[in-house]
Amino acid sequence: MDGKRIQFGHTQGILILVLGFILIAAQALISFHLLPSSIQSPTPEKNVPVVNRVVFFIPGIAGILMTTVGLFFILQDRFRNRSTNPPAKTKSGFPM
């Protein structure tokens, strides 16, 4: 797979990067209680199950992963060797 690269790696990288930023922004809004679904309940923090605490951070974790993957695609496309020298061929046309 040395010579193969993603055909639209730069475009896919930008779209995945934007999705990652949207998820990170959603996590920030949830953290600052700016979204209506994250209205604080009158119960104290001690009574909140551990599962709810973990689910609270899923958009942020997914956003960080998506941002990392998007940057990887962009950088992979940018630093990939663009020369496409075909392999040497025999007289019959098959690669050596």
PDB file of N, CA and C in Angstrom:
ATOM      1  N   MET A   1       0.815  -1.204   0.000  1.00  0.00           N
ATOM      2  CA  MET A   1       0.000   0.000   0.000  1.00  0.00           C
ATOM      3  C   MET A   1       0.855   1.262   0.000  1.00  0.00           C
ATOM      4  N   ASP A   2       2.113   1.128  -0.334  1.00  0.00           N
ATOM      5  CA  ASP A   2       2.971   2.297  -0.315  1.00  0.00           C
ATOM      6  C   ASP A   2       2.569   3.311  -1.374  1.00  0.00           C
ATOM      7  N   GLY A   3       2.185   2.843  -2.548  1.00  0.00           N
ATOM      8  CA  GLY A   3       1.875   3.756  -3.632  1.00  0.00           C
ATOM      9  C   GLY A   3       0.437   4.217  -3.665  1.00  0.00           C
ATOM     10  N   LYS A   4      -0.419   3.643  -2.837  1.00  0.00           N
ATOM     11  CA  LYS A   4      -1.834   3.995  -2.874  1.00  0.00           C
ATOM     12  C   LYS A   4      -2.127   5.116  -1.891  1.00  0.00           C
ATOM     13  N   ARG A   5      -3.039   5.978  -2.288  1.00  0.00           N
ATOM     14  CA  ARG A   5      -3.475   7.037  -1.393  1.00  0.00           C
ATOM     15  C   ARG A   5      -4.950   7.293  -1.615  1.00  0.00           C
ATOM     16  N   ILE A   6      -5.569   7.923  -0.669  1.00  0.00           N
ATOM     17  CA  ILE A   6      -6.986   8.220  -0.770  1.00  0.00           C
ATOM     18  C   ILE A   6      -7.180   9.281  -1.852  1.00  0.00           C
ATOM     19  N   GLN A   7      -8.149   9.061  -2.722  1.00  0.00           N
ATOM     20  CA  GLN A   7      -8.328   9.964  -3.845  1.00  0.00           C
ATOM     21  C   GLN A   7      -8.781  11.345  -3.386  1.00  0.00           C
ATOM     22  N   PHE A   8      -9.693  11.409  -2.464  1.00  0.00           N
ATOM     23  CA  PHE A   8     -10.203  12.691  -1.978  1.00  0.00           C
ATOM     24  C   PHE A   8      -9.825  12.881  -0.511  1.00  0.00           C
ATOM     25  N   GLY A   9      -8.588  12.573  -0.163  1.00  0.00           N
ATOM     26  CA  GLY A   9      -8.143  12.631   1.229  1.00  0.00           C
ATOM     27  C   GLY A   9      -8.228  14.026   1.818  1.00  0.00           C
ATOM     28  N   HIS A  10      -7.895  15.037   1.029  1.00  0.00           N
ATOM     29  CA  HIS A  10      -7.931  16.409   1.542  1.00  0.00           C
ATOM     30  C   HIS A  10      -9.371  16.831   1.837  1.00  0.00           C
ATOM     31  N   THR A  11     -10.278  16.532   0.917  1.00  0.00           N
ATOM     32  CA  THR A  11     -11.685  16.900   1.113  1.00  0.00           C
ATOM     33  C   THR A  11     -12.291  16.131   2.276  1.00  0.00           C
ATOM     34  N   GLN A  12     -12.037  14.836   2.342  1.00  0.00           N
ATOM     35  CA  GLN A  12     -12.556  14.048   3.453  1.00  0.00           C
ATOM     36  C   GLN A  12     -11.962  14.518   4.776  1.00  0.00           C
ATOM     37  N   GLY A  13     -10.691  14.862   4.760  1.00  0.00           N
ATOM     38  CA  GLY A  13     -10.050  15.356   5.979  1.00  0.00           C
ATOM     39  C   GLY A  13     -10.683  16.635   6.476  1.00  0.00           C
ATOM     40  N   ILE A  14     -10.993  17.549   5.561  1.00  0.00           N
ATOM     41  CA  ILE A  14     -11.630  18.814   5.955  1.00  0.00           C
ATOM     42  C   ILE A  14     -13.022  18.555   6.517  1.00  0.00           C
ATOM     43  N   LEU A  15     -13.795  17.677   5.870  1.00  0.00           N
ATOM     44  CA  LEU A  15     -15.154  17.390   6.357  1.00  0.00           C
ATOM     45  C   LEU A  15     -15.133  16.707   7.722  1.00  0.00           C
ATOM     46  N   ILE A  16     -14.221  15.779   7.923  1.00  0.00           N
ATOM     47  CA  ILE A  16     -14.118  15.110   9.221  1.00  0.00           C
ATOM     48  C   ILE A  16     -13.623  16.088  10.279  1.00  0.00           C
ATOM     49  N   LEU A  17     -12.725  16.984   9.904  1.00  0.00           N
ATOM     50  CA  LEU A  17     -12.231  18.002  10.839  1.00  0.00           C
ATOM     51  C   LEU A  17     -13.361  18.940  11.272  1.00  0.00           C
ATOM     52  N   VAL A  18     -14.204  19.337  10.328  1.00  0.00           N
ATOM     53  CA  VAL A  18     -15.347  20.196  10.662  1.00  0.00           C
ATOM     54  C   VAL A  18     -16.309  19.465  11.592  1.00  0.00           C
ATOM     55  N   LEU A  19     -16.555  18.186  11.314  1.00  0.00           N
ATOM     56  CA  LEU A  19     -17.420  17.403  12.197  1.00  0.00           C
ATOM     57  C   LEU A  19     -16.831  17.313  13.601  1.00  0.00           C
ATOM     58  N   GLY A  20     -15.527  17.153  13.698  1.00  0.00           N
ATOM     59  CA  GLY A  20     -14.876  17.122  15.005  1.00  0.00           C
ATOM     60  C   GLY A  20     -15.036  18.427  15.756  1.00  0.00           C
ATOM     61  N   PHE A  21     -14.883  19.557  15.053  1.00  0.00           N
ATOM     62  CA  PHE A  21     -15.065  20.859  15.704  1.00  0.00           C
ATOM     63  C   PHE A  21     -16.515  21.059  16.150  1.00  0.00           C
ATOM     64  N   ILE A  22     -17.459  20.565  15.372  1.00  0.00           N
ATOM     65  CA  ILE A  22     -18.871  20.674  15.771  1.00  0.00           C
ATOM     66  C   ILE A  22     -19.128  19.869  17.037  1.00  0.00           C
ATOM     67  N   LEU A  23     -18.557  18.671  17.110  1.00  0.00           N
ATOM     68  CA  LEU A  23     -18.741  17.852  18.317  1.00  0.00           C
ATOM     69  C   LEU A  23     -18.067  18.475  19.535  1.00  0.00           C
ATOM     70  N   ILE A  24     -16.900  19.067  19.343  1.00  0.00           N
ATOM     71  CA  ILE A  24     -16.224  19.734  20.462  1.00  0.00           C
ATOM     72  C   ILE A  24     -17.027  20.952  20.911  1.00  0.00           C
ATOM     73  N   ALA A  25     -17.601  21.697  19.959  1.00  0.00           N
ATOM     74  CA  ALA A  25     -18.443  22.840  20.320  1.00  0.00           C
ATOM     75  C   ALA A  25     -19.693  22.372  21.067  1.00  0.00           C
ATOM     76  N   ALA A  26     -20.273  21.252  20.643  1.00  0.00           N
ATOM     77  CA  ALA A  26     -21.442  20.712  21.352  1.00  0.00           C
ATOM     78  C   ALA A  26     -21.068  20.319  22.776  1.00  0.00           C
ATOM     79  N   GLN A  27     -19.882  19.738  22.943  1.00  0.00           N
ATOM     80  CA  GLN A  27     -19.430  19.380  24.290  1.00  0.00           C
ATOM     81  C   GLN A  27     -19.243  20.627  25.147  1.00  0.00           C
ATOM     82  N   ALA A  28     -18.706  21.680  24.553  1.00  0.00           N
ATOM     83  CA  ALA A  28     -18.528  22.924  25.311  1.00  0.00           C
ATOM     84  C   ALA A  28     -19.875  23.509  25.711  1.00  0.00           C
ATOM     85  N   LEU A  29     -20.837  23.475  24.797  1.00  0.00           N
ATOM     86  CA  LEU A  29     -22.168  23.992  25.136  1.00  0.00           C
ATOM     87  C   LEU A  29     -22.826  23.154  26.222  1.00  0.00           C
ATOM     88  N   ILE A  30     -22.669  21.846  26.150  1.00  0.00           N
ATOM     89  CA  ILE A  30     -23.227  20.976  27.188  1.00  0.00           C
ATOM     90  C   ILE A  30     -22.528  21.241  28.522  1.00  0.00           C
ATOM     91  N   SER A  31     -21.226  21.434  28.485  1.00  0.00           N
ATOM     92  CA  SER A  31     -20.473  21.660  29.724  1.00  0.00           C
ATOM     93  C   SER A  31     -20.881  22.954  30.414  1.00  0.00           C
ATOM     94  N   PHE A  32     -21.166  23.975  29.619  1.00  0.00           N
ATOM     95  CA  PHE A  32     -21.570  25.257  30.190  1.00  0.00           C
ATOM     96  C   PHE A  32     -23.073  25.361  30.376  1.00  0.00           C
ATOM     97  N   HIS A  33     -23.773  24.243  30.171  1.00  0.00           N
ATOM     98  CA  HIS A  33     -25.223  24.166  30.381  1.00  0.00           C
ATOM     99  C   HIS A  33     -25.973  25.179  29.526  1.00  0.00           C
ATOM    100  N   LEU A  34     -25.552  25.314  28.280  1.00  0.00           N
ATOM    101  CA  LEU A  34     -26.229  26.238  27.381  1.00  0.00           C
ATOM    102  C   LEU A  34     -27.260  25.546  26.501  1.00  0.00           C
ATOM    103  N   LEU A  35     -27.229  24.224  26.438  1.00  0.00           N
ATOM    104  CA  LEU A  35     -28.231  23.487  25.680  1.00  0.00           C
ATOM    105  C   LEU A  35     -29.385  23.117  26.601  1.00  0.00           C
ATOM    106  N   PRO A  36     -30.616  23.127  26.102  1.00  0.00           N
ATOM    107  CA  PRO A  36     -31.763  22.834  26.965  1.00  0.00           C
ATOM    108  C   PRO A  36     -31.760  21.415  27.538  1.00  0.00           C
ATOM    109  N   SER A  37     -31.138  20.467  26.865  1.00  0.00           N
ATOM    110  CA  SER A  37     -31.165  19.092  27.362  1.00  0.00           C
ATOM    111  C   SER A  37     -30.261  18.892  28.571  1.00  0.00           C
ATOM    112  N   SER A  38     -29.418  19.840  28.848  1.00  0.00           N
ATOM    113  CA  SER A  38     -28.487  19.666  29.964  1.00  0.00           C
ATOM    114  C   SER A  38     -28.859  20.539  31.164  1.00  0.00           C
ATOM    115  N   ILE A  39     -30.134  20.776  31.356  1.00  0.00           N
ATOM    116  CA  ILE A  39     -30.578  21.561  32.516  1.00  0.00           C
ATOM    117  C   ILE A  39     -30.291  20.752  33.778  1.00  0.00           C
ATOM    118  N   GLN A  40     -29.733  21.421  34.757  1.00  0.00           N
ATOM    119  CA  GLN A  40     -29.366  20.710  35.983  1.00  0.00           C
ATOM    120  C   GLN A  40     -30.618  20.268  36.724  1.00  0.00           C
ATOM    121  N   SER A  41     -30.535  19.054  37.195  1.00  0.00           N
ATOM    122  CA  SER A  41     -31.638  18.529  38.000  1.00  0.00           C
ATOM    123  C   SER A  41     -31.406  18.909  39.461  1.00  0.00           C
ATOM    124  N   PRO A  42     -32.448  18.904  40.255  1.00  0.00           N
ATOM    125  CA  PRO A  42     -32.291  19.287  41.656  1.00  0.00           C
ATOM    126  C   PRO A  42     -31.532  18.248  42.485  1.00  0.00           C
ATOM    127  N   THR A  43     -31.226  17.102  41.899  1.00  0.00           N
ATOM    128  CA  THR A  43     -30.503  16.080  42.666  1.00  0.00           C
ATOM    129  C   THR A  43     -29.045  16.475  42.802  1.00  0.00           C
ATOM    130  N   PRO A  44     -28.443  16.172  43.932  1.00  0.00           N
ATOM    131  CA  PRO A  44     -27.026  16.487  44.096  1.00  0.00           C
ATOM    132  C   PRO A  44     -26.154  15.588  43.208  1.00  0.00           C
ATOM    133  N   GLU A  45     -24.917  16.002  43.035  1.00  0.00           N
ATOM    134  CA  GLU A  45     -23.982  15.273  42.171  1.00  0.00           C
ATOM    135  C   GLU A  45     -23.677  13.872  42.691  1.00  0.00           C
ATOM    136  N   LYS A  46     -23.799  13.629  43.969  1.00  0.00           N
ATOM    137  CA  LYS A  46     -23.469  12.324  44.534  1.00  0.00           C
ATOM    138  C   LYS A  46     -24.424  11.236  44.049  1.00  0.00           C
ATOM    139  N   ASN A  47     -25.665  11.607  43.705  1.00  0.00           N
ATOM    140  CA  ASN A  47     -26.669  10.623  43.316  1.00  0.00           C
ATOM    141  C   ASN A  47     -26.683  10.347  41.814  1.00  0.00           C
ATOM    142  N   VAL A  48     -25.860  11.004  41.035  1.00  0.00           N
ATOM    143  CA  VAL A  48     -25.842  10.789  39.590  1.00  0.00           C
ATOM    144  C   VAL A  48     -25.086   9.498  39.296  1.00  0.00           C
ATOM    145  N   PRO A  49     -25.696   8.584  38.535  1.00  0.00           N
ATOM    146  CA  PRO A  49     -24.995   7.324  38.231  1.00  0.00           C
ATOM    147  C   PRO A  49     -23.730   7.568  37.401  1.00  0.00           C
ATOM    148  N   VAL A  50     -22.813   6.626  37.496  1.00  0.00           N
ATOM    149  CA  VAL A  50     -21.542   6.736  36.786  1.00  0.00           C
ATOM    150  C   VAL A  50     -21.770   6.714  35.277  1.00  0.00           C
ATOM    151  N   VAL A  51     -22.776   5.977  34.811  1.00  0.00           N
ATOM    152  CA  VAL A  51     -23.055   5.887  33.380  1.00  0.00           C
ATOM    153  C   VAL A  51     -23.416   7.263  32.826  1.00  0.00           C
ATOM    154  N   ASN A  52     -24.185   8.045  33.556  1.00  0.00           N
ATOM    155  CA  ASN A  52     -24.554   9.386  33.088  1.00  0.00           C
ATOM    156  C   ASN A  52     -23.339  10.304  33.014  1.00  0.00           C
ATOM    157  N   ARG A  53     -22.392  10.120  33.915  1.00  0.00           N
ATOM    158  CA  ARG A  53     -21.182  10.944  33.872  1.00  0.00           C
ATOM    159  C   ARG A  53     -20.332  10.604  32.648  1.00  0.00           C
ATOM    160  N   VAL A  54     -20.255   9.323  32.301  1.00  0.00           N
ATOM    161  CA  VAL A  54     -19.480   8.910  31.139  1.00  0.00           C
ATOM    162  C   VAL A  54     -20.164   9.377  29.851  1.00  0.00           C
ATOM    163  N   VAL A  55     -21.478   9.238  29.770  1.00  0.00           N
ATOM    164  CA  VAL A  55     -22.228   9.649  28.579  1.00  0.00           C
ATOM    165  C   VAL A  55     -22.105  11.156  28.372  1.00  0.00           C
ATOM    166  N   PHE A  56     -21.917  11.893  29.432  1.00  0.00           N
ATOM    167  CA  PHE A  56     -21.783  13.348  29.353  1.00  0.00           C
ATOM    168  C   PHE A  56     -20.583  13.764  28.512  1.00  0.00           C
ATOM    169  N   PHE A  57     -19.513  12.948  28.495  1.00  0.00           N
ATOM    170  CA  PHE A  57     -18.279  13.314  27.801  1.00  0.00           C
ATOM    171  C   PHE A  57     -18.142  12.692  26.413  1.00  0.00           C
ATOM    172  N   ILE A  58     -19.111  11.929  25.948  1.00  0.00           N
ATOM    173  CA  ILE A  58     -18.994  11.262  24.650  1.00  0.00           C
ATOM    174  C   ILE A  58     -18.839  12.247  23.494  1.00  0.00           C
ATOM    175  N   PRO A  59     -19.593  13.349  23.397  1.00  0.00           N
ATOM    176  CA  PRO A  59     -19.372  14.269  22.260  1.00  0.00           C
ATOM    177  C   PRO A  59     -17.962  14.853  22.233  1.00  0.00           C
ATOM    178  N   GLY A  60     -17.402  15.153  23.377  1.00  0.00           N
ATOM    179  CA  GLY A  60     -16.055  15.703  23.423  1.00  0.00           C
ATOM    180  C   GLY A  60     -14.997  14.700  22.997  1.00  0.00           C
ATOM    181  N   ILE A  61     -15.140  13.473  23.477  1.00  0.00           N
ATOM    182  CA  ILE A  61     -14.187  12.426  23.106  1.00  0.00           C
ATOM    183  C   ILE A  61     -14.294  12.128  21.616  1.00  0.00           C
ATOM    184  N   ALA A  62     -15.521  12.010  21.108  1.00  0.00           N
ATOM    185  CA  ALA A  62     -15.708  11.758  19.680  1.00  0.00           C
ATOM    186  C   ALA A  62     -15.189  12.933  18.852  1.00  0.00           C
ATOM    187  N   GLY A  63     -15.373  14.153  19.341  1.00  0.00           N
ATOM    188  CA  GLY A  63     -14.863  15.324  18.630  1.00  0.00           C
ATOM    189  C   GLY A  63     -13.353  15.341  18.539  1.00  0.00           C
ATOM    190  N   ILE A  64     -12.688  14.964  19.623  1.00  0.00           N
ATOM    191  CA  ILE A  64     -11.219  14.911  19.610  1.00  0.00           C
ATOM    192  C   ILE A  64     -10.740  13.835  18.643  1.00  0.00           C
ATOM    193  N   LEU A  65     -11.399  12.666  18.653  1.00  0.00           N
ATOM    194  CA  LEU A  65     -11.019  11.600  17.725  1.00  0.00           C
ATOM    195  C   LEU A  65     -11.247  12.008  16.278  1.00  0.00           C
ATOM    196  N   MET A  66     -12.390  12.646  15.996  1.00  0.00           N
ATOM    197  CA  MET A  66     -12.682  13.070  14.626  1.00  0.00           C
ATOM    198  C   MET A  66     -11.704  14.146  14.164  1.00  0.00           C
ATOM    199  N   THR A  67     -11.347  15.053  15.047  1.00  0.00           N
ATOM    200  CA  THR A  67     -10.375  16.087  14.692  1.00  0.00           C
ATOM    201  C   THR A  67      -9.021  15.457  14.382  1.00  0.00           C
ATOM    202  N   THR A  68      -8.622  14.473  15.164  1.00  0.00           N
ATOM    203  CA  THR A  68      -7.348  13.794  14.929  1.00  0.00           C
ATOM    204  C   THR A  68      -7.359  13.053  13.595  1.00  0.00           C
ATOM    205  N   VAL A  69      -8.444  12.353  13.299  1.00  0.00           N
ATOM    206  CA  VAL A  69      -8.539  11.616  12.035  1.00  0.00           C
ATOM    207  C   VAL A  69      -8.557  12.586  10.857  1.00  0.00           C
ATOM    208  N   GLY A  70      -9.287  13.690  10.980  1.00  0.00           N
ATOM    209  CA  GLY A  70      -9.320  14.688   9.911  1.00  0.00           C
ATOM    210  C   GLY A  70      -7.955  15.282   9.638  1.00  0.00           C
ATOM    211  N   LEU A  71      -7.228  15.615  10.697  1.00  0.00           N
ATOM    212  CA  LEU A  71      -5.869  16.140  10.520  1.00  0.00           C
ATOM    213  C   LEU A  71      -4.952  15.094   9.903  1.00  0.00           C
ATOM    214  N   PHE A  72      -5.132  13.833  10.272  1.00  0.00           N
ATOM    215  CA  PHE A  72      -4.327  12.771   9.690  1.00  0.00           C
ATOM    216  C   PHE A  72      -4.567  12.673   8.184  1.00  0.00           C
ATOM    217  N   PHE A  73      -5.827  12.721   7.765  1.00  0.00           N
ATOM    218  CA  PHE A  73      -6.137  12.658   6.331  1.00  0.00           C
ATOM    219  C   PHE A  73      -5.563  13.850   5.578  1.00  0.00           C
ATOM    220  N   ILE A  74      -5.675  15.035   6.165  1.00  0.00           N
ATOM    221  CA  ILE A  74      -5.154  16.235   5.498  1.00  0.00           C
ATOM    222  C   ILE A  74      -3.635  16.155   5.377  1.00  0.00           C
ATOM    223  N   LEU A  75      -2.964  15.785   6.465  1.00  0.00           N
ATOM    224  CA  LEU A  75      -1.506  15.707   6.430  1.00  0.00           C
ATOM    225  C   LEU A  75      -1.017  14.556   5.560  1.00  0.00           C
ATOM    226  N   GLN A  76      -1.732  13.452   5.563  1.00  0.00           N
ATOM    227  CA  GLN A  76      -1.357  12.323   4.723  1.00  0.00           C
ATOM    228  C   GLN A  76      -1.443  12.711   3.255  1.00  0.00           C
ATOM    229  N   ASP A  77      -2.470  13.432   2.889  1.00  0.00           N
ATOM    230  CA  ASP A  77      -2.622  13.858   1.505  1.00  0.00           C
ATOM    231  C   ASP A  77      -1.570  14.898   1.143  1.00  0.00           C
ATOM    232  N   ARG A  78      -1.223  15.736   2.074  1.00  0.00           N
ATOM    233  CA  ARG A  78      -0.264  16.806   1.792  1.00  0.00           C
ATOM    234  C   ARG A  78       1.167  16.289   1.637  1.00  0.00           C
ATOM    235  N   PHE A  79       1.570  15.347   2.485  1.00  0.00           N
ATOM    236  CA  PHE A  79       2.951  14.897   2.472  1.00  0.00           C
ATOM    237  C   PHE A  79       3.186  13.630   1.646  1.00  0.00           C
ATOM    238  N   ARG A  80       2.161  13.140   1.000  1.00  0.00           N
ATOM    239  CA  ARG A  80       2.309  11.934   0.187  1.00  0.00           C
ATOM    240  C   ARG A  80       3.042  12.275  -1.096  1.00  0.00           C
ATOM    241  N   ASN A  81       3.891  11.384  -1.522  1.00  0.00           N
ATOM    242  CA  ASN A  81       4.649  11.601  -2.748  1.00  0.00           C
ATOM    243  C   ASN A  81       3.689  11.574  -3.934  1.00  0.00           C
ATOM    244  N   ARG A  82       3.691  12.610  -4.718  1.00  0.00           N
ATOM    245  CA  ARG A  82       2.752  12.732  -5.829  1.00  0.00           C
ATOM    246  C   ARG A  82       3.263  12.109  -7.127  1.00  0.00           C
ATOM    247  N   SER A  83       4.526  11.708  -7.175  1.00  0.00           N
ATOM    248  CA  SER A  83       5.040  11.129  -8.410  1.00  0.00           C
ATOM    249  C   SER A  83       4.459   9.728  -8.579  1.00  0.00           C
ATOM    250  N   THR A  84       3.921   9.488  -9.727  1.00  0.00           N
ATOM    251  CA  THR A  84       3.316   8.193 -10.005  1.00  0.00           C
ATOM    252  C   THR A  84       4.095   7.519 -11.119  1.00  0.00           C
ATOM    253  N   ASN A  85       5.263   7.026 -10.787  1.00  0.00           N
ATOM    254  CA  ASN A  85       6.076   6.310 -11.760  1.00  0.00           C
ATOM    255  C   ASN A  85       5.563   4.884 -11.849  1.00  0.00           C
ATOM    256  N   PRO A  86       5.126   4.470 -13.015  1.00  0.00           N
ATOM    257  CA  PRO A  86       4.639   3.091 -13.124  1.00  0.00           C
ATOM    258  C   PRO A  86       5.809   2.119 -13.019  1.00  0.00           C
ATOM    259  N   PRO A  87       5.542   0.916 -12.544  1.00  0.00           N
ATOM    260  CA  PRO A  87       6.618  -0.068 -12.435  1.00  0.00           C
ATOM    261  C   PRO A  87       7.102  -0.492 -13.811  1.00  0.00           C
ATOM    262  N   ALA A  88       8.310  -0.987 -13.853  1.00  0.00           N
ATOM    263  CA  ALA A  88       8.861  -1.462 -15.114  1.00  0.00           C
ATOM    264  C   ALA A  88       8.028  -2.633 -15.619  1.00  0.00           C
ATOM    265  N   LYS A  89       7.875  -2.707 -16.941  1.00  0.00           N
ATOM    266  CA  LYS A  89       7.029  -3.747 -17.526  1.00  0.00           C
ATOM    267  C   LYS A  89       7.842  -4.635 -18.457  1.00  0.00           C
ATOM    268  N   THR A  90       7.370  -5.840 -18.586  1.00  0.00           N
ATOM    269  CA  THR A  90       7.985  -6.762 -19.523  1.00  0.00           C
ATOM    270  C   THR A  90       7.448  -6.481 -20.924  1.00  0.00           C
ATOM    271  N   LYS A  91       7.917  -7.238 -21.925  1.00  0.00           N
ATOM    272  CA  LYS A  91       7.455  -7.034 -23.297  1.00  0.00           C
ATOM    273  C   LYS A  91       5.970  -7.341 -23.445  1.00  0.00           C
ATOM    274  N   SER A  92       5.468  -8.249 -22.615  1.00  0.00           N
ATOM    275  CA  SER A  92       4.056  -8.604 -22.698  1.00  0.00           C
ATOM    276  C   SER A  92       3.155  -7.573 -22.022  1.00  0.00           C
ATOM    277  N   GLY A  93       3.744  -6.643 -21.274  1.00  0.00           N
ATOM    278  CA  GLY A  93       2.958  -5.590 -20.637  1.00  0.00           C
ATOM    279  C   GLY A  93       2.704  -5.806 -19.160  1.00  0.00           C
ATOM    280  N   PHE A  94       3.154  -6.935 -18.624  1.00  0.00           N
ATOM    281  CA  PHE A  94       2.957  -7.200 -17.209  1.00  0.00           C
ATOM    282  C   PHE A  94       4.073  -6.543 -16.385  1.00  0.00           C
ATOM    283  N   PRO A  95       3.743  -6.114 -15.152  1.00  0.00           N
ATOM    284  CA  PRO A  95       4.797  -5.514 -14.322  1.00  0.00           C
ATOM    285  C   PRO A  95       5.840  -6.550 -13.927  1.00  0.00           C
ATOM    286  N   MET A  96       7.074  -6.072 -13.759  1.00  0.00           N
ATOM    287  CA  MET A  96       8.169  -6.963 -13.387  1.00  0.00           C
ATOM    288  C   MET A  96       8.155  -7.262 -11.916  1.00  0.00           C
TER     289      MET A  96
END
